[in-house]
Protein backbone atom coordinates (compact mmCIF):
# COMPACT_ATOMS: atom_id res chain seq x y z
CA UNK A 1 12.84 -0.25 -17.10
CA UNK A 2 14.09 -2.59 -19.79
CA UNK A 3 16.84 -3.87 -17.49
CA UNK A 4 14.19 -4.72 -14.90
CA UNK A 5 12.04 -6.60 -17.44
CA UNK A 6 14.87 -8.48 -19.17
CA UNK A 7 15.25 -11.22 -16.47
CA UNK A 8 11.48 -11.79 -16.54
CA UNK A 9 11.57 -12.17 -20.32
CA UNK A 10 14.46 -14.62 -20.13
CA UNK A 11 12.58 -16.80 -17.65
CA UNK A 12 9.22 -16.46 -19.41
CA UNK A 13 9.88 -15.68 -23.10
CA UNK A 14 6.23 -16.03 -24.15
CA UNK A 15 5.03 -13.24 -21.83
CA UNK A 16 4.53 -9.96 -23.64
CA UNK A 17 5.05 -6.68 -21.84
CA UNK A 18 3.50 -3.45 -23.11
CA UNK A 19 4.29 -0.29 -21.19
CA UNK A 20 1.92 2.65 -21.12
CA UNK A 21 1.84 5.85 -19.13
CA UNK A 22 -0.70 8.43 -18.13
CA UNK A 23 -2.15 10.27 -15.19
CA UNK A 24 -3.76 8.33 -12.33
CA UNK A 25 -7.30 8.78 -13.67
CA UNK A 26 -6.42 7.49 -17.13
CA UNK A 27 -4.44 4.54 -15.81
CA UNK A 28 -7.10 3.43 -13.30
CA UNK A 29 -9.80 3.83 -15.97
CA UNK A 30 -7.87 1.49 -18.27
CA UNK A 31 -7.38 -0.92 -15.39
CA UNK A 32 -11.11 -0.98 -14.63
CA UNK A 33 -11.97 -1.54 -18.31
CA UNK A 34 -9.65 -4.56 -18.43
CA UNK A 35 -7.19 -2.89 -20.81
CA UNK A 36 -4.39 -3.27 -18.25
CA UNK A 37 -3.56 -6.25 -16.06
CA UNK A 38 -1.92 -4.13 -13.37
CA UNK A 39 -0.71 -0.59 -12.81
CA UNK A 40 1.96 1.24 -10.84
CA UNK A 41 0.91 4.56 -9.37
CA UNK A 42 2.57 7.14 -7.17
CA UNK A 43 -0.03 8.45 -4.71
CA UNK A 44 -0.06 10.14 -1.35
CA UNK A 45 -2.83 7.83 -0.07
CA UNK A 46 -3.67 4.18 -0.73
CA UNK A 47 -6.35 3.58 -3.36
CA UNK A 48 -9.47 2.38 -1.54
CA UNK A 49 -11.29 1.33 -4.72
CA UNK A 50 -8.69 -1.24 -5.80
CA UNK A 51 -6.72 -4.11 -4.37
CA UNK A 52 -3.21 -2.79 -3.96
CA UNK A 53 0.20 -3.49 -2.54
CA UNK A 54 2.49 -0.77 -1.28
CA UNK A 55 5.86 -1.09 -2.99
CA UNK A 56 7.95 1.72 -1.52
CA UNK A 57 7.74 5.06 0.19
CA UNK A 58 9.46 8.22 -0.96
CA UNK A 59 8.91 11.77 0.28
CA UNK A 60 5.16 12.52 0.52
CA UNK A 61 4.01 9.79 -1.87
CA UNK A 62 4.30 6.04 -2.12
CA UNK A 63 4.30 3.66 -5.06
CA UNK A 64 1.36 1.30 -5.19
CA UNK A 65 0.82 -1.69 -7.44
CA UNK A 66 -2.89 -1.88 -8.27
CA UNK A 67 -4.91 -4.89 -9.29
CA UNK A 68 -8.48 -4.64 -10.46
CA UNK A 69 -10.74 -6.89 -8.40
CA UNK A 70 -13.23 -8.47 -10.81
């Protein structure tokens, strides 16, 4: 993960990245409360309650990047 973030930090050194983990309910709750700016989830179906973008597909689940629509 750090290798993926390093180029971003080099280009934008003032951006702070804080990583957190949890189950889907905890993560989406934090997203809805404004405690997270975005989330990455592995789900078998797209989240209908959030704006999302499908990132990749693997086995029976796909990775989705979620954004809370204010």
